[in-house]
């Protein structure tokens, strides 16, 4: 079974700083990490391989330093990885990103299932997984917390939504996005770290995957960030004294005066 796991390197949330004048993130000195949601997707991919055999290939798009994320994924159990890195990819929104990933997957060739984290902590859109499935023309199941492969080759998944849990079955190939907390991501092993250190990480550029200029980067991104700011939270508080009945009356008075 050929399993592809898409991961992204994002800023560690506890190191993010913001420049209020420029309206941008201060990237100097920021620690990068694998998107937390993607760690659950990676663990699900490795568990699938351990249960049913096959190979896990990690796919990531980013600057050259994103190679670190791929090596970490290998140390956590992936068999190999590919980095999509090209200045032409800069500025890609979720639509352009899904196109670039699709072209890379087509270059890889045969595959059975693509796993992605449900969303990323930097963009928080949850659009890339479904967008990739639409590009590939295959089924997409989101918010999955458990996967198994049946004897006939179909996949059975458990999907968790606010209103309840669903069990679904689907033929491959398909794209699955993994929910936060779906499993317990393993830590890198010493053997895995040694293997990751020696691993060769191919780098695909736009020419390597045959991407069209008008479909990638800013040219291929219909959405853009107009401005960014850190919201300011302002409010007042008042301590209500008295007996419980007096406190209730005082609270009701406040609500009436506020027009609630």
Protein backbone atom coordinates (compact mmCIF):
# COMPACT_ATOMS: atom_id res chain seq x y z
CA UNK A 1 0.00 0.00 0.00
CA UNK A 2 1.39 3.38 -1.03
CA UNK A 3 0.62 6.04 1.58
CA UNK A 4 1.39 9.74 1.12
CA UNK A 5 1.35 12.02 4.15
CA UNK A 6 1.31 15.79 3.60
CA UNK A 7 2.95 17.85 6.33
CA UNK A 8 3.79 21.52 6.81
CA UNK A 9 6.42 23.29 8.86
CA UNK A 10 4.82 26.10 10.90
CA UNK A 11 6.01 28.58 13.54
CA UNK A 12 5.84 27.17 17.06
CA UNK A 13 2.87 28.96 18.61
CA UNK A 14 4.72 29.87 21.81
CA UNK A 15 7.45 31.72 19.88
CA UNK A 16 5.26 33.82 17.57
CA UNK A 17 5.82 37.56 17.78
CA UNK A 18 4.02 40.29 15.86
CA UNK A 19 5.11 43.64 14.43
CA UNK A 20 2.09 45.96 14.94
CA UNK A 21 3.48 48.69 12.65
CA UNK A 22 4.16 46.45 9.65
CA UNK A 23 1.27 44.08 10.38
CA UNK A 24 3.49 41.04 9.88
CA UNK A 25 4.98 38.20 11.90
CA UNK A 26 8.52 38.66 13.17
CA UNK A 27 10.13 35.54 11.77
CA UNK A 28 13.65 36.11 13.07
CA UNK A 29 14.36 33.76 15.95
CA UNK A 30 11.06 31.90 15.60
CA UNK A 31 11.26 28.15 16.21
CA UNK A 32 9.68 26.03 13.47
CA UNK A 33 7.89 22.73 14.04
CA UNK A 34 5.74 20.21 12.22
CA UNK A 35 2.13 21.39 12.23
CA UNK A 36 0.61 19.64 15.30
CA UNK A 37 -2.36 18.30 13.32
CA UNK A 38 0.05 16.74 10.82
CA UNK A 39 1.72 14.70 13.56
CA UNK A 40 -1.55 12.83 14.05
CA UNK A 41 -1.78 12.26 10.27
CA UNK A 42 1.79 10.96 10.24
CA UNK A 43 1.13 8.57 13.11
CA UNK A 44 -2.02 7.30 11.36
CA UNK A 45 0.02 6.73 8.18
CA UNK A 46 2.74 4.80 10.02
CA UNK A 47 0.14 2.69 11.84
CA UNK A 48 -1.51 1.84 8.51
CA UNK A 49 1.82 0.67 7.12
CA UNK A 50 2.57 -1.35 10.23
CA UNK A 51 -0.84 -3.05 10.03
CA UNK A 52 -1.15 -3.64 6.30
CA UNK A 53 2.33 -3.17 4.82
CA UNK A 54 3.47 -0.67 2.23
CA UNK A 55 5.41 2.57 2.30
CA UNK A 56 4.86 6.03 3.83
CA UNK A 57 6.15 8.97 1.78
CA UNK A 58 6.05 12.41 3.37
CA UNK A 59 5.38 15.39 1.12
CA UNK A 60 6.00 18.97 2.23
CA UNK A 61 6.10 22.36 0.51
CA UNK A 62 8.27 25.13 1.89
CA UNK A 63 11.68 26.82 1.92
CA UNK A 64 14.87 24.72 2.06
CA UNK A 65 14.79 24.61 5.88
CA UNK A 66 11.53 22.65 5.70
CA UNK A 67 13.75 19.66 5.00
CA UNK A 68 14.15 19.49 8.78
CA UNK A 69 10.45 18.65 9.12
CA UNK A 70 10.77 15.82 6.61
CA UNK A 71 13.77 14.37 8.45
CA UNK A 72 11.84 14.56 11.71
CA UNK A 73 8.93 12.72 10.05
CA UNK A 74 11.35 10.00 8.95
CA UNK A 75 12.66 9.73 12.51
CA UNK A 76 9.04 9.24 13.58
CA UNK A 77 8.50 6.31 11.22
CA UNK A 78 8.04 7.58 7.65
CA UNK A 79 9.99 5.69 4.97
CA UNK A 80 11.04 8.72 2.95
CA UNK A 81 10.08 12.22 1.95
CA UNK A 82 10.04 14.82 -0.82
CA UNK A 83 10.42 18.58 -0.43
CA UNK A 84 8.61 20.94 -2.82
CA UNK A 85 10.74 24.06 -2.79
CA UNK A 86 10.87 26.83 -5.37
CA UNK A 87 10.75 30.62 -5.10
CA UNK A 88 7.90 30.47 -7.60
CA UNK A 89 5.78 28.74 -4.93
CA UNK A 90 6.05 31.72 -2.56
CA UNK A 91 2.75 33.41 -1.75
CA UNK A 92 0.64 30.39 -2.68
CA UNK A 93 -2.76 30.31 -0.97
CA UNK A 94 -4.66 27.08 -0.29
CA UNK A 95 -5.89 26.84 -3.91
CA UNK A 96 -2.40 27.13 -5.36
CA UNK A 97 -0.97 24.86 -2.65
CA UNK A 98 -3.46 22.09 -3.44
CA UNK A 99 -2.50 22.38 -7.12
CA UNK A 100 1.23 22.08 -6.35
CA UNK A 101 0.66 19.06 -4.10
CA UNK A 102 -1.51 17.45 -6.77
CA UNK A 103 1.17 17.87 -9.43
CA UNK A 104 3.77 16.37 -7.08
CA UNK A 105 1.55 13.38 -6.28
CA UNK A 106 1.01 12.78 -9.99
CA UNK A 107 4.79 12.77 -10.45
CA UNK A 108 5.17 10.25 -7.62
CA UNK A 109 2.82 7.93 -9.52
CA UNK A 110 0.65 5.23 -7.97
CA UNK A 111 -0.79 5.76 -4.49
CA UNK A 112 -3.65 4.41 -2.40
CA UNK A 113 -4.35 7.05 0.22
CA UNK A 114 -3.22 10.58 1.08
CA UNK A 115 -3.34 11.63 4.73
CA UNK A 116 -3.31 15.26 5.88
CA UNK A 117 -3.80 16.99 9.19
CA UNK A 118 -7.30 18.47 9.41
CA UNK A 119 -5.88 22.00 9.38
CA UNK A 120 -2.75 24.00 10.17
CA UNK A 121 -2.11 26.20 13.17
CA UNK A 122 -0.92 29.11 11.04
CA UNK A 123 -3.64 29.26 8.37
CA UNK A 124 -6.43 27.40 10.21
CA UNK A 125 -8.53 27.07 7.02
CA UNK A 126 -8.85 23.25 6.75
CA UNK A 127 -9.05 23.74 2.97
CA UNK A 128 -5.95 22.00 1.60
CA UNK A 129 -7.11 18.41 2.20
CA UNK A 130 -10.51 18.80 0.50
CA UNK A 131 -8.94 21.01 -2.18
CA UNK A 132 -6.33 18.36 -2.94
CA UNK A 133 -9.00 15.67 -3.22
CA UNK A 134 -10.94 17.86 -5.66
CA UNK A 135 -7.78 18.37 -7.72
CA UNK A 136 -7.09 14.62 -7.75
CA UNK A 137 -10.72 13.79 -8.53
CA UNK A 138 -11.11 11.38 -5.63
CA UNK A 139 -13.12 10.93 -2.45
CA UNK A 140 -12.29 13.03 0.60
CA UNK A 141 -13.22 12.20 4.20
CA UNK A 142 -12.46 14.86 6.82
CA UNK A 143 -12.19 14.89 10.62
CA UNK A 144 -11.20 11.20 10.84
CA UNK A 145 -10.01 9.67 14.10
CA UNK A 146 -9.59 5.98 13.13
CA UNK A 147 -8.77 4.10 9.89
CA UNK A 148 -8.73 0.45 8.92
CA UNK A 149 -8.35 -1.34 5.60
CA UNK A 150 -10.84 -4.04 4.81
CA UNK A 151 -10.12 -7.33 3.05
CA UNK A 152 -11.56 -6.04 -0.23
CA UNK A 153 -9.15 -3.10 -0.20
CA UNK A 154 -11.74 -0.53 0.85
CA UNK A 155 -11.10 1.78 3.78
CA UNK A 156 -13.35 2.03 6.82
CA UNK A 157 -13.01 5.19 8.90
CA UNK A 158 -14.54 6.69 12.00
CA UNK A 159 -15.36 10.36 11.56
CA UNK A 160 -15.99 12.68 14.50
CA UNK A 161 -18.19 15.75 14.11
CA UNK A 162 -19.93 18.01 16.61
CA UNK A 163 -23.25 16.21 16.24
CA UNK A 164 -21.85 12.70 16.55
CA UNK A 165 -19.55 9.98 15.25
CA UNK A 166 -19.96 8.32 11.86
CA UNK A 167 -18.50 5.13 10.35
CA UNK A 168 -17.90 5.40 6.62
CA UNK A 169 -16.44 3.16 3.92
CA UNK A 170 -14.75 4.29 0.71
CA UNK A 171 -12.73 2.89 -2.17
CA UNK A 172 -9.17 3.99 -2.78
CA UNK A 173 -7.63 6.20 -3.91
CA UNK A 174 -8.88 8.77 -1.42
CA UNK A 175 -7.77 11.70 0.72
CA UNK A 176 -8.32 11.60 4.48
CA UNK A 177 -7.80 14.46 6.93
CA UNK A 178 -6.99 13.46 10.51
CA UNK A 179 -8.54 15.05 13.60
CA UNK A 180 -6.50 16.37 16.51
CA UNK A 181 -6.21 13.71 19.23
CA UNK A 182 -6.90 10.81 16.87
CA UNK A 183 -3.91 8.90 18.25
CA UNK A 184 -0.72 9.33 20.25
CA UNK A 185 2.11 10.46 17.94
CA UNK A 186 5.29 8.52 18.67
CA UNK A 187 8.49 10.33 19.55
CA UNK A 188 11.53 10.04 17.28
CA UNK A 189 13.56 6.91 18.03
CA UNK A 190 17.36 6.75 18.06
CA UNK A 191 17.26 4.33 15.13
CA UNK A 192 14.83 6.64 13.35
CA UNK A 193 17.08 9.65 13.93
CA UNK A 194 20.06 7.82 12.45
CA UNK A 195 18.02 6.79 9.42
CA UNK A 196 16.68 10.34 9.00
CA UNK A 197 20.17 11.81 9.15
CA UNK A 198 21.32 9.59 6.27
CA UNK A 199 18.15 9.91 4.19
CA UNK A 200 18.30 11.60 0.80
CA UNK A 201 15.50 14.15 0.44
CA UNK A 202 14.65 14.88 -3.22
CA UNK A 203 13.68 18.49 -3.95
CA UNK A 204 10.99 19.11 -6.56
CA UNK A 205 10.81 22.50 -8.28
CA UNK A 206 8.03 23.81 -10.51
CA UNK A 207 9.85 22.37 -13.53
CA UNK A 208 10.15 18.96 -11.90
CA UNK A 209 6.40 18.68 -11.36
CA UNK A 210 5.36 20.51 -14.53
CA UNK A 211 3.48 23.28 -12.68
CA UNK A 212 2.07 26.15 -14.74
CA UNK A 213 3.15 29.65 -13.69
CA UNK A 214 -0.40 31.02 -13.61
CA UNK A 215 -1.47 28.29 -11.16
CA UNK A 216 1.15 28.81 -8.47
CA UNK A 217 2.43 31.56 -6.20
CA UNK A 218 0.67 34.91 -6.13
CA UNK A 219 -0.49 34.52 -9.73
CA UNK A 220 -2.39 31.36 -8.87
CA UNK A 221 -3.80 32.65 -5.58
CA UNK A 222 -7.17 34.43 -5.76
CA UNK A 223 -7.04 35.17 -2.02
CA UNK A 224 -4.61 37.46 -0.23
CA UNK A 225 -4.09 38.94 3.22
CA UNK A 226 -5.17 42.60 3.14
CA UNK A 227 -4.07 43.38 6.69
CA UNK A 228 -3.13 41.67 9.92
CA UNK A 229 -3.48 42.85 13.49
CA UNK A 230 -3.58 41.59 17.04
CA UNK A 231 -7.06 42.22 18.51
CA UNK A 232 -7.23 44.28 21.68
CA UNK A 233 -9.59 43.10 24.37
CA UNK A 234 -11.08 45.90 26.43
CA UNK A 235 -13.67 45.54 29.15
CA UNK A 236 -14.68 46.53 32.65
CA UNK A 237 -15.70 44.48 35.63
CA UNK A 238 -17.86 45.16 38.64
CA UNK A 239 -18.13 43.22 41.88
CA UNK A 240 -21.73 42.69 43.00
CA UNK A 241 -22.15 42.58 46.77
CA UNK A 242 -25.05 41.56 49.01
CA UNK A 243 -27.23 38.52 49.60
CA UNK A 244 -27.93 36.12 46.73
CA UNK A 245 -31.31 37.77 46.15
CA UNK A 246 -29.76 41.25 46.14
CA UNK A 247 -27.05 40.09 43.72
CA UNK A 248 -29.68 38.69 41.36
CA UNK A 249 -31.65 41.93 41.42
CA UNK A 250 -28.49 43.96 40.79
CA UNK A 251 -27.49 41.68 37.91
CA UNK A 252 -30.95 41.94 36.32
CA UNK A 253 -30.76 45.73 36.60
CA UNK A 254 -27.43 45.73 34.77
CA UNK A 255 -28.89 43.56 32.00
CA UNK A 256 -31.92 45.83 31.59
CA UNK A 257 -29.77 48.95 31.40
CA UNK A 258 -27.60 47.27 28.79
CA UNK A 259 -30.69 46.36 26.77
CA UNK A 260 -30.05 42.64 27.04
